[in-house]
Structure formats: C-alpha cells, structure tokens
Amino acid sequence: MMGSAFGSLLLFGATGDLSQRMLLPSLYGLHADKLVPDDLTIFGTARSPMSDEEFRQFAAEALKKHVSADRLNDEAVASFLPRLRYVPVDASQPDHFDELAKAVKPVAKDRGLAIFLSTAPSLFASTIDGLKQAGLTGDDVRLALEKPLGTDLASSREVNDAALSAFPEERTFRIDHYLGKETVQNLLVLRFGNLMFEPLWNNAGIDYVQITIGETVGLEGRAGYYDGSGALRDMVQNHMLQLLALVAMEAPARFDATAIRNEKVKVLSALRPITTSARDDTVTGQYAAGVAGGAGAPGYIEELGKTSDTETFVAIRAHVDNWRWAGVPFYLRTGKRLPVRTSEIVIQFKSVPHSIFKDRGGRLHRNRLVIKLQPEESVSMHVMAKVPGLDREGIDLREVPLDLSLTTAFAGSRKRIAYERLLLDLLEGDPTLFVRRDEVEAQWAWIDGIRKGWAMNQVTPKPYPAGTWGPAAAIALTERDGVHWND
C-alpha cells in the first residue's frame, strides 16, 4: 500500500555505472518535475573516499553526459546538487557503518529512509548486517535490491534470507527495471482495459508467443560479472520471465501489488520444467568475430581474453502448463552482438476458421500483435485489408499494421527512464512494480532446471558471427514447429 513519500534516500554503489547512467539522471528528472519531497536528501556511498562537493561534481558530470540537452536545465541542476551528500563505506569494515549512521540518522529521523542496494551479491549479507548493527533497519526504512539476486535458487535464498533478517517482505523492494518501462505497463492496460483481446487471449485464439531481447553490444566492461552469469541468468531469469508472466497471467481482481504478483507467481509455477528436454527445447550460442554496427567486432573469447563456455545467446521453447495456455509455445530469445537492439513481444493469432476470399485469389495472413519495448515504444496490430482497385481479376489483400507509437500518440509527454518510476515508487512505498520473493524463487527454480539439463546433456554454446541472429540451430528450434522468428 502506497504511503507518504520518504524524505531521505541512501544509494549504495553511488559511483558505479548504474548510478551514473540511470539513478542520478532519474533522481534529477524527478527533482526537475517537482515529484519528490522538497526536503529529500540523497546520500551516496561507495568505497572511494570523496567529499560532498566532490560527489556533487561527479553527479554534475554524470548528468551532463547522460541527460539530454533539452532536459538539462542549469537552474534545476543547481537546485538538485545540494540534495546530494556522500559517506565512504567499505562493507567489509563494520565501523564504516557507524560513520554512515552518524551522517544519515539525524537527517532520516521522522522522514523515513529508502535504501537502494546496488553492489556485488557477495556483499549483500555483510552490507545488510552492517546496516542492522548501525540501527539503519527500523520500521521507517525500506530496502531496494538491484539484480543479480544470487546465481541460482540456493544463493538467491541466501540473499533473501539476509534481507529478511532485517527487512520484512513488505519493506523489501526487488528491482527488475523492465517493469518500470512504459510499454510493459501498457501491456496490462492493453490486455485488461480492452474487451477485444480477452476472448482471444488463450490457446483457442493464439498460436504462439515470441519474446526477443536483442543487444548489439559485447561485454562493455562487464567481463567479470557476465562471464560468471551468461545470457540465461543475466536476461532470461529476470526480464524475460517477467515479460512472459505479464503476457500469460490471469486478470487480477484489483490493480494492486498483491493481486498482480499473485497471478504472476501462478504463471511462473506453471512453467514446464526443461531438464531432460534441454537439448531439444534450448539453443545456446557464443558470438565469434564478425561485423556489428558496420564495423568489425571481436569474438567473445577475444574480448574476454581467455577461453570460456559461457553462453552469450540463448533461445528457448517454453510452455505454460495450465488451461489457458495448454499447447501454446512461448519462444524466448536473447543475446549479445545481435543485428539490432530490440525488445519486443509478438503475439501470433491463429487463422480464421474459413476464408471466403480464397476462391477470388485473396490470401489471408494471420493477425499478429507486436509490442515493442525498445528502442522505440510502440504497439502494432497487423490486420488484413483490401488493396484499392476494381478487382476484375480477383481480390487483392494485404497485411497492414494499425500502429500506436507511444512517442507520437503522447508527444506532449516526456519519455521517462524506467528507474524514475521505480525510485519514486520506492520513496512512496508502492511495491506493485517490484518483484516478490516467491516470484524470484520460482524463476530461479526453472532456470536451475535448464542449467542442470545442459550439464546432463553436455549442451555447450555454438558459435555465431557477431552481427547475426545467433546459431543456425536457433532458427531450427522454431522451424520444426513451422514458425519463423519475427526478425
């Protein structure tokens, strides 16, 4: 349940890449639009020694680099920077948390404290323990956890248990930034705010679903993390399974956190295990040298500087074993060094039961709903239409899109960073767009089954040239079912 906004925010990892690209620009955006309390104080912390003024200068440089020029207002920046303070903390040094408490407690008193924890998972337990010992875990404190939350079900439970030792579930906010994207939320409105879709949103009306998240980049300085994770754990376990759950969930009784998350858990629990079938239902790949973005790109091994069996691409044929979705395959695909940067959901409807146009030469295509999440947010419904003409020699039909570009339709509204919404919800205590513990653990249980199947079946990544859509086996995965990827 949403309450009044807290007046203090503590950012762990405040000098990291996420803070520079997303968190500081998001907080600036909320400040510029006057959406946060006037007295909100933002504490940054990291291992590096830094004064308040140095941190403000660091933040100013991050804003200059990552905020568009039309949004970077000198007056707004000047009034935002004084909100920032900095306290160096090494999570392995308990006495550092005492110094943190001395700085934060007088400010957070009677104003509430939201903590955003973006550190290595290995530091979660010691950080939470340090916060607890320093008295920074009371009833007026909320904790947000940035992924990765473990590397498997067992380590995820350790992270969740560490959080639970100081923060009850209702004060723990697990972040999946995809849930803050405008089009992801529009998916719920599309499904449950329009009568036309619900009668067809099942195995009687839908043939299959595709979810693709493509990245054109390689390691980008994340070699240490990524090589220990891979595409399955980095993207499928969180973002892709959350999108699948939103597509497949039943209508919640209410638009609130408990009702929505209850329905998502049911979907995740209904995912058919992929262990013995891992060789048939999954494809893994690792990019080799090729061409990306019009320039030569090195292979993963060359970028990493050592040999590795980590997958940079994965495609999966999944099934949700319940009445609504029985027999409908969900094809998931994600990878690095792909031809385009994209995130999209494709809903392929079945054919009409009988075509009245075939005797006149009219060829029907099945309706298709394409929901694009990035780089541009749009919803497109592909329908059949007649090509203008006299049709003396037959009727000419063509597939045409009915497009809703959110950028165009809401031209007067600013496109927000997903973290703006999530940070504001954290401050206000609204958990709807955050992930509950049982969701995370259901996701990890399914992912662990796939990884076990890979080990049992000796599945290793197949090479694919950078700039292509993964190994040829990914094409065969769908074409065995008579399905083509929506490239």
Protein backbone atom coordinates (compact mmCIF):
# COMPACT_ATOMS: atom_id res chain seq x y z
CA MET A 1 0.00 0.00 0.00
CA MET A 2 1.40 3.37 -1.01
CA GLY A 3 2.12 5.82 1.78
CA SER A 4 3.64 9.27 2.10
CA ALA A 5 6.98 9.74 0.37
CA PHE A 6 10.12 9.25 2.43
CA GLY A 7 12.45 12.21 2.80
CA SER A 8 15.84 10.51 2.59
CA LEU A 9 17.45 8.09 0.16
CA LEU A 10 20.70 6.14 0.54
CA LEU A 11 22.40 4.88 -2.64
CA PHE A 12 24.97 2.11 -2.30
CA GLY A 13 27.22 1.89 -5.35
CA ALA A 14 26.72 5.61 -5.93
CA THR A 15 29.83 5.98 -8.10
CA GLY A 16 29.12 2.94 -10.29
CA ASP A 17 27.92 2.71 -13.88
CA LEU A 18 24.25 2.20 -12.96
CA SER A 19 24.27 5.28 -10.77
CA GLN A 20 25.84 7.44 -13.47
CA ARG A 21 23.65 6.26 -16.36
CA MET A 22 20.33 5.72 -14.61
CA LEU A 23 19.97 6.59 -10.93
CA LEU A 24 21.37 10.12 -10.80
CA PRO A 25 19.64 11.15 -14.08
CA SER A 26 16.38 9.64 -12.79
CA LEU A 27 16.58 11.47 -9.49
CA TYR A 28 17.39 14.68 -11.32
CA GLY A 29 14.34 14.15 -13.56
CA LEU A 30 12.06 13.64 -10.56
CA HIS A 31 13.53 16.72 -8.91
CA ALA A 32 13.15 18.88 -12.03
CA ASP A 33 9.48 17.87 -12.28
CA LYS A 34 8.93 18.53 -8.56
CA LEU A 35 7.83 14.94 -7.88
CA VAL A 36 9.97 14.31 -4.80
CA PRO A 37 9.67 15.96 -1.37
CA ASP A 38 11.25 19.37 -1.11
CA ASP A 39 13.39 18.14 1.78
CA LEU A 40 14.56 14.89 0.14
CA THR A 41 18.24 14.29 0.95
CA ILE A 42 20.20 11.82 -1.18
CA PHE A 43 23.17 10.09 0.40
CA GLY A 44 25.66 8.40 -1.89
CA THR A 45 28.06 5.79 -0.66
CA ALA A 46 30.84 3.69 -2.18
CA ARG A 47 34.35 2.60 -1.21
CA SER A 48 36.08 5.61 -2.78
CA PRO A 49 36.89 8.49 -0.41
CA MET A 50 35.08 11.61 -1.58
CA SER A 51 33.73 14.81 -0.08
CA ASP A 52 30.18 16.07 -0.52
CA GLU A 53 31.39 18.65 -3.00
CA GLU A 54 33.40 16.10 -4.99
CA PHE A 55 30.37 13.82 -5.18
CA ARG A 56 28.24 16.73 -6.39
CA GLN A 57 30.77 17.46 -9.09
CA PHE A 58 30.81 13.76 -10.00
CA ALA A 59 27.00 13.84 -10.27
CA ALA A 60 27.07 17.02 -12.37
CA GLU A 61 29.40 15.31 -14.87
CA ALA A 62 27.12 12.25 -14.98
CA LEU A 63 24.08 14.45 -15.68
CA LYS A 64 25.94 16.32 -18.42
CA LYS A 65 26.85 13.03 -20.06
CA HIS A 66 23.60 11.08 -19.67
CA VAL A 67 20.75 13.63 -19.63
CA SER A 68 19.54 15.02 -22.95
CA ALA A 69 20.40 18.67 -23.57
CA ASP A 70 16.74 19.72 -23.72
CA ARG A 71 16.22 18.39 -20.18
CA LEU A 72 19.43 19.68 -18.64
CA ASN A 73 18.39 22.96 -17.09
CA ASP A 74 21.13 24.92 -15.29
CA GLU A 75 18.72 26.17 -12.64
CA ALA A 76 17.31 22.69 -11.99
CA VAL A 77 20.82 21.20 -11.75
CA ALA A 78 21.89 23.95 -9.37
CA SER A 79 18.95 23.22 -7.06
CA PHE A 80 19.36 19.42 -7.36
CA LEU A 81 23.05 19.10 -6.44
CA PRO A 82 22.68 20.45 -2.86
CA ARG A 83 20.43 17.46 -2.12
CA LEU A 84 23.48 15.19 -2.50
CA ARG A 85 25.77 14.11 0.30
CA TYR A 86 28.45 11.43 0.40
CA VAL A 87 29.75 8.97 3.00
CA PRO A 88 32.50 6.44 2.08
CA VAL A 89 31.72 2.89 3.19
CA ASP A 90 33.66 -0.34 2.80
CA ALA A 91 31.11 -3.10 3.50
CA SER A 92 33.85 -5.30 4.96
CA GLN A 93 34.56 -2.69 7.67
CA PRO A 94 31.79 -2.66 10.35
CA ASP A 95 32.98 0.64 11.81
CA HIS A 96 32.24 2.35 8.48
CA PHE A 97 28.54 1.74 9.08
CA ASP A 98 28.77 3.59 12.39
CA GLU A 99 30.05 6.63 10.49
CA LEU A 100 27.27 6.18 7.95
CA ALA A 101 24.68 6.09 10.71
CA LYS A 102 26.06 9.28 12.26
CA ALA A 103 25.52 11.07 8.94
CA VAL A 104 22.18 9.54 7.96
CA LYS A 105 20.23 9.16 11.20
CA PRO A 106 19.85 12.87 12.08
CA VAL A 107 18.55 13.56 8.56
CA ALA A 108 16.33 10.47 8.23
CA LYS A 109 14.73 10.87 11.66
CA ASP A 110 10.95 11.31 11.29
CA ARG A 111 11.37 11.46 7.48
CA GLY A 112 11.86 7.79 6.61
CA LEU A 113 14.81 6.23 4.81
CA ALA A 114 14.83 4.34 1.50
CA ILE A 115 17.98 2.32 0.77
CA PHE A 116 18.95 1.36 -2.78
CA LEU A 117 21.46 -1.50 -2.69
CA SER A 118 23.40 -1.88 -5.94
CA THR A 119 26.51 -3.85 -5.01
CA ALA A 120 28.04 -7.22 -5.77
CA PRO A 121 25.78 -10.04 -4.45
CA SER A 122 28.68 -11.26 -2.32
CA LEU A 123 28.40 -8.01 -0.32
CA PHE A 124 24.63 -8.10 0.26
CA ALA A 125 24.76 -10.06 3.52
CA SER A 126 27.61 -8.04 5.07
CA THR A 127 26.01 -4.76 3.97
CA ILE A 128 22.62 -5.66 5.44
CA ASP A 129 24.31 -6.88 8.63
CA GLY A 130 26.25 -3.61 8.84
CA LEU A 131 23.05 -1.61 8.40
CA LYS A 132 21.36 -3.68 11.11
CA GLN A 133 24.21 -3.24 13.59
CA ALA A 134 24.23 0.52 12.91
CA GLY A 135 20.50 0.84 13.56
CA LEU A 136 19.55 1.66 9.98
CA THR A 137 16.87 -1.04 9.54
CA GLY A 138 13.93 0.23 11.59
CA ASP A 139 10.22 0.31 10.73
CA ASP A 140 10.72 3.55 8.79
CA VAL A 141 13.37 2.05 6.46
CA ARG A 142 12.77 0.34 3.08
CA LEU A 143 15.34 -1.70 1.18
CA ALA A 144 15.55 -1.94 -2.62
CA LEU A 145 17.71 -4.73 -4.07
CA GLU A 146 19.18 -4.44 -7.56
CA LYS A 147 19.92 -7.63 -9.50
CA PRO A 148 21.61 -10.04 -9.61
CA LEU A 149 19.90 -11.66 -6.60
CA GLY A 150 22.12 -14.72 -6.49
CA THR A 151 23.31 -17.05 -9.22
CA ASP A 152 20.90 -19.93 -8.55
CA LEU A 153 18.00 -20.82 -6.25
CA ALA A 154 20.22 -21.63 -3.28
CA SER A 155 22.24 -18.40 -3.41
CA SER A 156 19.06 -16.42 -4.10
CA ARG A 157 17.57 -17.79 -0.91
CA GLU A 158 20.69 -16.73 0.96
CA VAL A 159 20.26 -13.18 -0.34
CA ASN A 160 16.57 -13.17 0.52
CA ASP A 161 17.23 -14.63 3.97
CA ALA A 162 19.84 -11.93 4.61
CA ALA A 163 17.32 -9.25 3.62
CA LEU A 164 14.59 -10.88 5.74
CA SER A 165 16.86 -10.83 8.79
CA ALA A 166 16.47 -7.04 8.85
CA PHE A 167 13.62 -6.14 6.47
CA PRO A 168 10.23 -7.89 6.31
CA GLU A 169 8.81 -8.66 2.86
CA GLU A 170 6.58 -5.59 2.83
CA ARG A 171 9.66 -3.37 3.21
CA THR A 172 11.80 -5.24 0.66
CA PHE A 173 11.66 -3.98 -2.94
CA ARG A 174 13.37 -6.24 -5.52
CA ILE A 175 14.04 -4.39 -8.74
CA ASP A 176 13.55 -5.56 -12.31
CA HIS A 177 13.87 -2.33 -14.27
CA TYR A 178 11.86 -3.77 -17.20
CA LEU A 179 8.76 -3.48 -15.03
CA GLY A 180 9.27 0.28 -14.97
CA LYS A 181 9.10 0.59 -18.75
CA GLU A 182 6.01 2.37 -20.05
CA THR A 183 5.14 -0.27 -22.64
CA VAL A 184 5.41 -3.11 -20.12
CA GLN A 185 2.75 -1.40 -18.02
CA ASN A 186 0.76 -0.72 -21.17
CA LEU A 187 0.70 -4.48 -21.71
CA LEU A 188 -1.60 -4.77 -18.68
CA VAL A 189 -3.80 -1.95 -19.97
CA LEU A 190 -3.87 -3.50 -23.44
CA ARG A 191 -4.99 -6.84 -22.05
CA PHE A 192 -7.32 -5.82 -19.25
CA GLY A 193 -8.55 -2.42 -20.45
CA ASN A 194 -9.79 -3.53 -23.89
CA LEU A 195 -12.60 -6.03 -24.33
CA MET A 196 -11.50 -7.16 -27.81
CA PHE A 197 -8.39 -9.08 -26.70
CA GLU A 198 -9.52 -11.15 -23.72
CA PRO A 199 -11.81 -13.59 -25.64
CA LEU A 200 -8.85 -14.44 -27.92
CA TRP A 201 -6.08 -14.35 -25.30
CA ASN A 202 -5.81 -18.12 -24.87
CA ASN A 203 -4.96 -21.33 -26.71
CA ALA A 204 -8.12 -21.06 -28.81
CA GLY A 205 -7.05 -17.75 -30.33
CA ILE A 206 -3.24 -17.65 -30.05
CA ASP A 207 -0.87 -19.93 -31.95
CA TYR A 208 2.39 -18.91 -30.26
CA VAL A 209 4.18 -16.11 -28.41
CA GLN A 210 7.70 -14.79 -29.08
CA ILE A 211 9.75 -12.64 -26.72
CA THR A 212 13.04 -11.24 -28.00
CA ILE A 213 15.61 -9.08 -26.22
CA GLY A 214 18.49 -8.31 -28.55
CA GLU A 215 21.68 -6.42 -27.72
CA THR A 216 24.21 -5.18 -30.27
CA VAL A 217 26.93 -4.63 -27.67
CA GLY A 218 29.52 -7.04 -26.35
CA LEU A 219 30.96 -7.13 -22.84
CA GLU A 220 31.22 -3.33 -22.35
CA GLY A 221 33.44 -3.58 -19.29
CA ARG A 222 31.24 -6.19 -17.58
CA ALA A 223 33.51 -9.16 -18.31
CA GLY A 224 33.90 -10.26 -14.69
CA TYR A 225 30.18 -10.29 -13.98
CA TYR A 226 28.95 -11.53 -17.35
CA ASP A 227 31.33 -14.49 -17.69
CA GLY A 228 30.06 -15.79 -14.37
CA SER A 229 26.47 -15.29 -15.41
CA GLY A 230 25.73 -15.74 -19.11
CA ALA A 231 22.61 -14.88 -21.09
CA LEU A 232 20.33 -17.35 -19.29
CA ARG A 233 20.93 -15.90 -15.83
CA ASP A 234 21.54 -12.31 -16.92
CA MET A 235 18.41 -11.83 -19.05
CA VAL A 236 16.06 -14.82 -19.06
CA GLN A 237 15.85 -15.36 -15.30
CA ASN A 238 14.54 -11.86 -14.66
CA HIS A 239 13.47 -9.64 -17.57
CA MET A 240 12.20 -12.31 -19.96
CA LEU A 241 10.35 -14.38 -17.38
CA GLN A 242 8.69 -11.25 -16.01
CA LEU A 243 7.50 -10.35 -19.52
CA LEU A 244 6.25 -13.92 -20.02
CA ALA A 245 4.36 -13.75 -16.73
CA LEU A 246 2.66 -10.48 -17.69
CA VAL A 247 1.62 -11.91 -21.08
CA ALA A 248 0.29 -15.16 -19.62
CA MET A 249 -1.21 -14.12 -16.26
CA GLU A 250 -4.91 -14.25 -15.45
CA ALA A 251 -6.76 -10.99 -14.81
CA PRO A 252 -6.04 -9.86 -11.23
CA ALA A 253 -9.04 -8.95 -9.11
CA ARG A 254 -7.59 -5.50 -8.48
CA PHE A 255 -4.75 -3.34 -9.74
CA ASP A 256 -2.61 -3.65 -6.67
CA ALA A 257 0.68 -5.28 -5.75
CA THR A 258 -0.69 -8.38 -4.03
CA ALA A 259 -3.25 -9.27 -6.71
CA ILE A 260 -0.87 -8.73 -9.64
CA ARG A 261 2.04 -10.57 -8.10
CA ASN A 262 -0.20 -13.48 -7.05
CA GLU A 263 -1.16 -14.01 -10.69
CA LYS A 264 2.43 -13.76 -11.92
CA VAL A 265 3.56 -16.43 -9.45
CA LYS A 266 0.89 -18.81 -10.76
CA VAL A 267 2.31 -18.49 -14.28
CA LEU A 268 5.92 -18.94 -13.18
CA SER A 269 4.95 -22.00 -11.15
CA ALA A 270 3.17 -23.47 -14.19
CA LEU A 271 6.24 -23.33 -16.45
CA ARG A 272 7.01 -26.81 -17.73
CA PRO A 273 10.46 -27.89 -16.45
CA ILE A 274 13.18 -28.08 -19.11
CA THR A 275 15.73 -30.58 -17.88
CA THR A 276 15.57 -33.86 -19.78
CA SER A 277 14.40 -31.91 -22.86
CA ALA A 278 17.15 -29.27 -22.67
CA ARG A 279 18.81 -30.44 -25.89
CA ASP A 280 15.51 -30.23 -27.82
CA ASP A 281 14.00 -27.11 -26.24
CA THR A 282 17.02 -24.81 -25.89
CA VAL A 283 19.84 -23.48 -28.06
CA THR A 284 22.92 -21.76 -26.69
CA GLY A 285 25.49 -19.72 -28.56
CA GLN A 286 28.60 -17.63 -28.15
CA TYR A 287 29.49 -14.83 -30.55
CA ALA A 288 32.60 -15.12 -32.68
CA ALA A 289 34.28 -12.35 -34.66
CA GLY A 290 32.02 -10.63 -37.17
CA VAL A 291 30.56 -7.29 -38.16
CA ALA A 292 28.37 -5.28 -35.79
CA GLY A 293 27.13 -1.75 -36.36
CA GLY A 294 29.01 -1.57 -39.65
CA ALA A 295 32.38 -2.25 -38.04
CA GLY A 296 34.45 -5.30 -37.26
CA ALA A 297 33.72 -6.84 -33.86
CA PRO A 298 35.91 -9.29 -31.96
CA GLY A 299 34.60 -12.60 -30.68
CA TYR A 300 33.66 -13.18 -27.05
CA ILE A 301 36.86 -15.11 -26.32
CA GLU A 302 38.97 -12.26 -27.77
CA GLU A 303 37.11 -9.67 -25.70
CA LEU A 304 37.31 -11.78 -22.55
CA GLY A 305 40.95 -12.69 -23.01
CA LYS A 306 40.53 -16.35 -22.11
CA THR A 307 38.59 -19.44 -23.14
CA SER A 308 35.07 -19.78 -21.75
CA ASP A 309 31.91 -21.88 -22.16
CA THR A 310 29.65 -19.00 -21.11
CA GLU A 311 26.67 -18.53 -23.42
CA THR A 312 26.07 -15.08 -24.91
CA PHE A 313 22.91 -16.24 -26.70
CA VAL A 314 20.05 -18.47 -25.67
CA ALA A 315 16.79 -19.47 -27.35
CA ILE A 316 14.13 -21.46 -25.51
CA ARG A 317 10.83 -23.12 -26.37
CA ALA A 318 8.80 -22.89 -23.17
CA HIS A 319 5.29 -23.99 -22.20
CA VAL A 320 2.91 -22.77 -19.51
CA ASP A 321 1.02 -25.86 -18.40
CA ASN A 322 -2.41 -24.56 -17.48
CA TRP A 323 -5.84 -24.47 -19.13
CA ARG A 324 -5.41 -21.09 -20.80
CA TRP A 325 -2.07 -21.84 -22.47
CA ALA A 326 -2.01 -25.62 -22.99
CA GLY A 327 -0.30 -26.33 -26.31
CA VAL A 328 0.87 -22.75 -26.94
CA PRO A 329 4.69 -22.48 -27.22
CA PHE A 330 6.46 -19.42 -25.84
CA TYR A 331 9.68 -18.80 -27.78
CA LEU A 332 12.28 -16.79 -25.87
CA ARG A 333 15.42 -15.40 -27.49
CA THR A 334 18.14 -13.11 -26.19
CA GLY A 335 21.79 -12.47 -26.94
CA LYS A 336 24.70 -10.09 -27.35
CA ARG A 337 26.20 -8.90 -30.65
CA LEU A 338 22.90 -9.38 -32.48
CA PRO A 339 22.00 -7.32 -35.60
CA VAL A 340 19.75 -4.82 -33.80
CA ARG A 341 19.00 -3.58 -30.31
CA THR A 342 15.42 -4.53 -29.64
CA SER A 343 12.97 -5.77 -27.04
CA GLU A 344 9.65 -7.00 -28.34
CA ILE A 345 6.74 -9.33 -27.66
CA VAL A 346 4.97 -10.95 -30.61
CA ILE A 347 1.50 -12.47 -30.15
CA GLN A 348 0.69 -14.63 -33.19
CA PHE A 349 -3.04 -15.30 -33.53
CA LYS A 350 -4.45 -18.35 -35.27
CA SER A 351 -6.01 -18.39 -38.73
CA VAL A 352 -9.66 -17.58 -39.33
CA PRO A 353 -11.65 -20.86 -39.43
CA HIS A 354 -12.66 -20.37 -43.09
CA SER A 355 -11.55 -17.88 -45.76
CA ILE A 356 -14.32 -16.59 -48.02
CA PHE A 357 -11.73 -14.87 -50.23
CA LYS A 358 -9.62 -17.80 -51.46
CA ASP A 359 -11.83 -18.50 -54.49
CA ARG A 360 -11.22 -14.89 -55.61
CA GLY A 361 -7.43 -15.21 -55.17
CA GLY A 362 -7.31 -13.44 -51.82
CA ARG A 363 -4.64 -14.78 -49.49
CA LEU A 364 -5.09 -14.19 -45.78
CA HIS A 365 -2.30 -13.70 -43.27
CA ARG A 366 -2.88 -14.36 -39.61
CA ASN A 367 -3.26 -11.39 -37.28
CA ARG A 368 -0.20 -10.50 -35.24
CA LEU A 369 0.24 -8.16 -32.31
CA VAL A 370 3.75 -6.72 -31.91
CA ILE A 371 4.61 -4.87 -28.71
CA LYS A 372 7.99 -3.09 -28.90
CA LEU A 373 9.62 -2.07 -25.65
CA GLN A 374 12.84 -0.56 -27.01
CA PRO A 375 14.44 1.35 -28.57
CA GLU A 376 11.09 2.94 -29.50
CA GLU A 377 7.94 2.02 -27.60
CA SER A 378 5.02 1.03 -29.82
CA VAL A 379 2.10 -1.36 -30.21
CA SER A 380 1.25 -2.64 -33.69
CA MET A 381 -1.68 -4.86 -34.69
CA HIS A 382 -1.21 -6.48 -38.11
CA VAL A 383 -4.59 -6.96 -39.83
CA MET A 384 -5.84 -7.78 -43.32
CA ALA A 385 -7.10 -5.07 -45.66
CA LYS A 386 -8.15 -4.86 -49.31
CA VAL A 387 -5.82 -3.09 -51.73
CA PRO A 388 -7.77 -0.32 -53.54
CA GLY A 389 -8.81 -1.29 -57.08
CA LEU A 390 -11.61 -2.74 -59.22
CA ASP A 391 -10.61 -6.38 -58.59
CA ARG A 392 -11.73 -7.58 -62.02
CA GLU A 393 -9.25 -10.44 -61.91
CA GLY A 394 -9.52 -11.25 -58.21
CA ILE A 395 -9.36 -9.59 -54.82
CA ASP A 396 -6.01 -8.28 -53.66
CA LEU A 397 -5.46 -8.49 -49.90
CA ARG A 398 -2.56 -7.10 -47.95
CA GLU A 399 -1.39 -7.21 -44.35
CA VAL A 400 -1.25 -3.69 -42.87
CA PRO A 401 -0.29 -2.51 -39.40
CA LEU A 402 -2.52 -0.49 -37.11
CA ASP A 403 0.21 1.37 -35.25
CA LEU A 404 0.21 3.05 -31.89
CA SER A 405 3.51 4.82 -31.43
CA LEU A 406 3.64 5.95 -27.83
CA THR A 407 6.17 8.59 -28.81
CA THR A 408 3.74 10.07 -31.36
CA ALA A 409 0.44 9.44 -29.57
CA PHE A 410 1.72 11.08 -26.38
CA ALA A 411 4.01 13.63 -27.98
CA GLY A 412 3.38 16.09 -25.15
CA SER A 413 4.55 13.63 -22.50
CA ARG A 414 8.18 13.10 -21.67
CA LYS A 415 9.57 9.60 -22.08
CA ARG A 416 10.86 8.68 -18.65
CA ILE A 417 13.69 6.42 -17.58
CA ALA A 418 12.27 3.25 -16.03
CA TYR A 419 14.19 3.96 -12.84
CA GLU A 420 12.36 7.27 -12.37
CA ARG A 421 9.14 5.40 -11.76
CA LEU A 422 10.80 2.73 -9.63
CA LEU A 423 12.67 5.21 -7.44
CA LEU A 424 9.51 7.26 -6.94
CA ASP A 425 7.54 4.11 -6.05
CA LEU A 426 10.28 3.14 -3.59
CA LEU A 427 10.09 6.54 -1.90
CA GLU A 428 6.28 6.33 -1.79
CA GLY A 429 6.17 2.68 -0.72
CA ASP A 430 4.26 1.25 -3.70
CA PRO A 431 5.53 -2.33 -4.37
CA THR A 432 3.38 -3.07 -7.45
CA LEU A 433 6.26 -2.87 -9.95
CA PHE A 434 8.73 -4.75 -7.76
CA VAL A 435 9.29 -8.50 -7.58
CA ARG A 436 8.18 -10.59 -4.65
CA ARG A 437 10.37 -13.31 -3.12
CA ASP A 438 8.25 -16.22 -4.33
CA GLU A 439 8.45 -14.85 -7.89
CA VAL A 440 12.25 -14.71 -7.77
CA GLU A 441 12.49 -18.22 -6.38
CA ALA A 442 10.06 -19.67 -8.94
CA GLN A 443 12.16 -18.06 -11.69
CA TRP A 444 15.40 -19.47 -10.31
CA ALA A 445 13.92 -22.96 -9.87
CA TRP A 446 13.04 -23.05 -13.59
CA ILE A 447 16.43 -21.65 -14.66
CA ASP A 448 18.28 -24.14 -12.45
CA GLY A 449 16.39 -26.95 -14.20
CA ILE A 450 17.64 -25.74 -17.59
CA ARG A 451 21.23 -25.46 -16.41
CA LYS A 452 21.01 -28.95 -14.92
CA GLY A 453 19.69 -30.19 -18.28
CA TRP A 454 22.62 -28.54 -20.08
CA ALA A 455 25.05 -30.32 -17.79
CA MET A 456 23.27 -33.68 -18.15
CA ASN A 457 23.08 -33.42 -21.94
CA GLN A 458 26.52 -31.79 -22.36
CA VAL A 459 24.99 -28.78 -24.11
CA THR A 460 27.67 -26.22 -24.98
CA PRO A 461 27.39 -22.89 -26.83
CA LYS A 462 27.54 -22.99 -30.62
CA PRO A 463 29.50 -20.15 -32.30
CA TYR A 464 27.69 -17.46 -34.27
CA PRO A 465 29.23 -14.48 -36.10
CA ALA A 466 28.79 -11.12 -34.36
CA GLY A 467 26.01 -9.19 -36.10
CA THR A 468 23.81 -12.24 -36.77
CA TRP A 469 20.74 -13.70 -35.04
CA GLY A 470 22.60 -16.44 -33.22
CA PRO A 471 23.42 -20.02 -34.23
CA ALA A 472 21.54 -21.71 -37.07
CA ALA A 473 20.08 -24.10 -34.50
CA ALA A 474 18.00 -21.19 -33.13
CA ILE A 475 16.21 -21.00 -36.47
CA ALA A 476 15.65 -24.76 -36.47
CA LEU A 477 14.18 -24.54 -32.95
CA THR A 478 11.12 -22.71 -34.25
CA GLU A 479 11.02 -24.02 -37.82
CA ARG A 480 10.49 -27.55 -36.55
CA ASP A 481 7.12 -26.18 -35.43
CA GLY A 482 6.53 -24.31 -38.70
CA VAL A 483 7.30 -20.98 -37.02
CA HIS A 484 9.67 -18.17 -38.09
CA TRP A 485 11.28 -15.67 -35.78
CA ASN A 486 9.95 -12.12 -36.21
CA ASP A 487 13.22 -10.59 -37.48
